[in-house]
Amino acid sequence: MNESIFLLDKRVVFDSTKMTLSHGNEIIRISEAETH
C-alpha cells in the first residue's frame, strides 16, 4: 500500500495526498478549512 494511503477500521480508506476518505462507492473530501 502507498505511504499516503491508510486503511481505517478495515473498511475506510484515507488518502492523505488527496485528503479523501472512501468506503465502497462513497468518497468524502476533507476541505482545507476542516484541517485547521
PDB file of N, CA and C in Angstrom:
ATOM      1  N   MET A   1       0.839  -1.193   0.000  1.00  0.00           N
ATOM      2  CA  MET A   1       0.000   0.000   0.000  1.00  0.00           C
ATOM      3  C   MET A   1       0.882   1.254   0.000  1.00  0.00           C
ATOM      4  N   ASN A   2       0.452   2.263  -0.695  1.00  0.00           N
ATOM      5  CA  ASN A   2       1.177   3.526  -0.797  1.00  0.00           C
ATOM      6  C   ASN A   2       1.315   4.174   0.579  1.00  0.00           C
ATOM      7  N   GLU A   3       2.412   4.895   0.826  1.00  0.00           N
ATOM      8  CA  GLU A   3       2.640   5.544   2.125  1.00  0.00           C
ATOM      9  C   GLU A   3       1.601   6.608   2.445  1.00  0.00           C
ATOM     10  N   SER A   4       0.916   7.146   1.432  1.00  0.00           N
ATOM     11  CA  SER A   4      -0.068   8.199   1.669  1.00  0.00           C
ATOM     12  C   SER A   4      -1.483   7.653   1.789  1.00  0.00           C
ATOM     13  N   ILE A   5      -1.646   6.327   1.707  1.00  0.00           N
ATOM     14  CA  ILE A   5      -2.968   5.708   1.782  1.00  0.00           C
ATOM     15  C   ILE A   5      -3.018   4.799   3.005  1.00  0.00           C
ATOM     16  N   PHE A   6      -4.051   4.986   3.821  1.00  0.00           N
ATOM     17  CA  PHE A   6      -4.178   4.240   5.066  1.00  0.00           C
ATOM     18  C   PHE A   6      -5.537   3.553   5.125  1.00  0.00           C
ATOM     19  N   LEU A   7      -5.589   2.356   5.686  1.00  0.00           N
ATOM     20  CA  LEU A   7      -6.835   1.626   5.879  1.00  0.00           C
ATOM     21  C   LEU A   7      -7.276   1.826   7.321  1.00  0.00           C
ATOM     22  N   LEU A   8      -8.478   2.375   7.497  1.00  0.00           N
ATOM     23  CA  LEU A   8      -9.007   2.651   8.827  1.00  0.00           C
ATOM     24  C   LEU A   8     -10.128   1.670   9.137  1.00  0.00           C
ATOM     25  N   ASP A   9     -10.052   1.016  10.267  1.00  0.00           N
ATOM     26  CA  ASP A   9     -11.096   0.109  10.739  1.00  0.00           C
ATOM     27  C   ASP A   9     -11.457  -0.963   9.701  1.00  0.00           C
ATOM     28  N   LYS A  10     -10.484  -1.350   8.866  1.00  0.00           N
ATOM     29  CA  LYS A  10     -10.638  -2.397   7.850  1.00  0.00           C
ATOM     30  C   LYS A  10     -11.729  -2.103   6.826  1.00  0.00           C
ATOM     31  N   ARG A  11     -12.247  -0.864   6.785  1.00  0.00           N
ATOM     32  CA  ARG A  11     -13.330  -0.547   5.850  1.00  0.00           C
ATOM     33  C   ARG A  11     -13.134   0.774   5.130  1.00  0.00           C
ATOM     34  N   VAL A  12     -12.563   1.756   5.809  1.00  0.00           N
ATOM     35  CA  VAL A  12     -12.461   3.103   5.253  1.00  0.00           C
ATOM     36  C   VAL A  12     -11.023   3.373   4.815  1.00  0.00           C
ATOM     37  N   VAL A  13     -10.847   3.868   3.606  1.00  0.00           N
ATOM     38  CA  VAL A  13      -9.523   4.181   3.076  1.00  0.00           C
ATOM     39  C   VAL A  13      -9.311   5.683   3.146  1.00  0.00           C
ATOM     40  N   PHE A  14      -8.216   6.111   3.792  1.00  0.00           N
ATOM     41  CA  PHE A  14      -7.857   7.526   3.876  1.00  0.00           C
ATOM     42  C   PHE A  14      -6.658   7.777   2.980  1.00  0.00           C
ATOM     43  N   ASP A  15      -6.794   8.703   2.049  1.00  0.00           N
ATOM     44  CA  ASP A  15      -5.698   9.091   1.159  1.00  0.00           C
ATOM     45  C   ASP A  15      -5.229  10.470   1.591  1.00  0.00           C
ATOM     46  N   SER A  16      -4.049  10.542   2.204  1.00  0.00           N
ATOM     47  CA  SER A  16      -3.563  11.819   2.738  1.00  0.00           C
ATOM     48  C   SER A  16      -3.088  12.769   1.646  1.00  0.00           C
ATOM     49  N   THR A  17      -2.802  12.261   0.456  1.00  0.00           N
ATOM     50  CA  THR A  17      -2.409  13.130  -0.656  1.00  0.00           C
ATOM     51  C   THR A  17      -3.621  13.870  -1.214  1.00  0.00           C
ATOM     52  N   LYS A  18      -4.696  13.132  -1.445  1.00  0.00           N
ATOM     53  CA  LYS A  18      -5.926  13.726  -1.988  1.00  0.00           C
ATOM     54  C   LYS A  18      -6.836  14.260  -0.889  1.00  0.00           C
ATOM     55  N   MET A  19      -6.536  13.924   0.375  1.00  0.00           N
ATOM     56  CA  MET A  19      -7.361  14.282   1.531  1.00  0.00           C
ATOM     57  C   MET A  19      -8.790  13.771   1.344  1.00  0.00           C
ATOM     58  N   THR A  20      -8.906  12.472   1.066  1.00  0.00           N
ATOM     59  CA  THR A  20     -10.218  11.859   0.884  1.00  0.00           C
ATOM     60  C   THR A  20     -10.366  10.637   1.778  1.00  0.00           C
ATOM     61  N   LEU A  21     -11.602  10.391   2.177  1.00  0.00           N
ATOM     62  CA  LEU A  21     -11.984   9.163   2.862  1.00  0.00           C
ATOM     63  C   LEU A  21     -12.902   8.420   1.904  1.00  0.00           C
ATOM     64  N   SER A  22     -12.683   7.130   1.702  1.00  0.00           N
ATOM     65  CA  SER A  22     -13.569   6.383   0.815  1.00  0.00           C
ATOM     66  C   SER A  22     -13.976   5.064   1.451  1.00  0.00           C
ATOM     67  N   HIS A  23     -15.227   4.705   1.182  1.00  0.00           N
ATOM     68  CA  HIS A  23     -15.792   3.451   1.674  1.00  0.00           C
ATOM     69  C   HIS A  23     -16.728   2.948   0.589  1.00  0.00           C
ATOM     70  N   GLY A  24     -16.337   1.885  -0.085  1.00  0.00           N
ATOM     71  CA  GLY A  24     -17.146   1.396  -1.202  1.00  0.00           C
ATOM     72  C   GLY A  24     -17.210   2.444  -2.307  1.00  0.00           C
ATOM     73  N   ASN A  25     -18.412   2.853  -2.679  1.00  0.00           N
ATOM     74  CA  ASN A  25     -18.596   3.851  -3.736  1.00  0.00           C
ATOM     75  C   ASN A  25     -18.653   5.270  -3.200  1.00  0.00           C
ATOM     76  N   GLU A  26     -18.619   5.456  -1.879  1.00  0.00           N
ATOM     77  CA  GLU A  26     -18.714   6.789  -1.286  1.00  0.00           C
ATOM     78  C   GLU A  26     -17.330   7.385  -1.079  1.00  0.00           C
ATOM     79  N   ILE A  27     -17.173   8.645  -1.473  1.00  0.00           N
ATOM     80  CA  ILE A  27     -15.912   9.355  -1.277  1.00  0.00           C
ATOM     81  C   ILE A  27     -16.207  10.691  -0.615  1.00  0.00           C
ATOM     82  N   ILE A  28     -15.502  10.979   0.476  1.00  0.00           N
ATOM     83  CA  ILE A  28     -15.646  12.250   1.188  1.00  0.00           C
ATOM     84  C   ILE A  28     -14.324  12.986   1.092  1.00  0.00           C
ATOM     85  N   ARG A  29     -14.372  14.230   0.626  1.00  0.00           N
ATOM     86  CA  ARG A  29     -13.162  15.050   0.523  1.00  0.00           C
ATOM     87  C   ARG A  29     -13.090  15.958   1.754  1.00  0.00           C
ATOM     88  N   ILE A  30     -11.941  15.987   2.411  1.00  0.00           N
ATOM     89  CA  ILE A  30     -11.724  16.842   3.575  1.00  0.00           C
ATOM     90  C   ILE A  30     -11.190  18.175   3.070  1.00  0.00           C
ATOM     91  N   SER A  31     -11.918  19.240   3.348  1.00  0.00           N
ATOM     92  CA  SER A  31     -11.506  20.553   2.839  1.00  0.00           C
ATOM     93  C   SER A  31     -10.377  21.127   3.685  1.00  0.00           C
ATOM     94  N   GLU A  32      -9.665  22.084   3.123  1.00  0.00           N
ATOM     95  CA  GLU A  32      -8.558  22.755   3.812  1.00  0.00           C
ATOM     96  C   GLU A  32      -9.036  23.402   5.107  1.00  0.00           C
ATOM     97  N   ALA A  33     -10.230  23.969   5.106  1.00  0.00           N
ATOM     98  CA  ALA A  33     -10.775  24.648   6.285  1.00  0.00           C
ATOM     99  C   ALA A  33     -10.988  23.674   7.443  1.00  0.00           C
ATOM    100  N   GLU A  34     -11.316  22.436   7.138  1.00  0.00           N
ATOM    101  CA  GLU A  34     -11.572  21.442   8.175  1.00  0.00           C
ATOM    102  C   GLU A  34     -10.295  20.880   8.785  1.00  0.00           C
ATOM    103  N   THR A  35      -9.155  21.150   8.181  1.00  0.00           N
ATOM    104  CA  THR A  35      -7.908  20.590   8.680  1.00  0.00           C
ATOM    105  C   THR A  35      -7.209  21.494   9.680  1.00  0.00           C
ATOM    106  N   HIS A  36      -7.715  22.701   9.899  1.00  0.00           N
ATOM    107  CA  HIS A  36      -7.081  23.640  10.834  1.00  0.00           C
ATOM    108  C   HIS A  36      -7.946  23.892  12.035  1.00  0.00           C
TER     109      HIS A  36
END
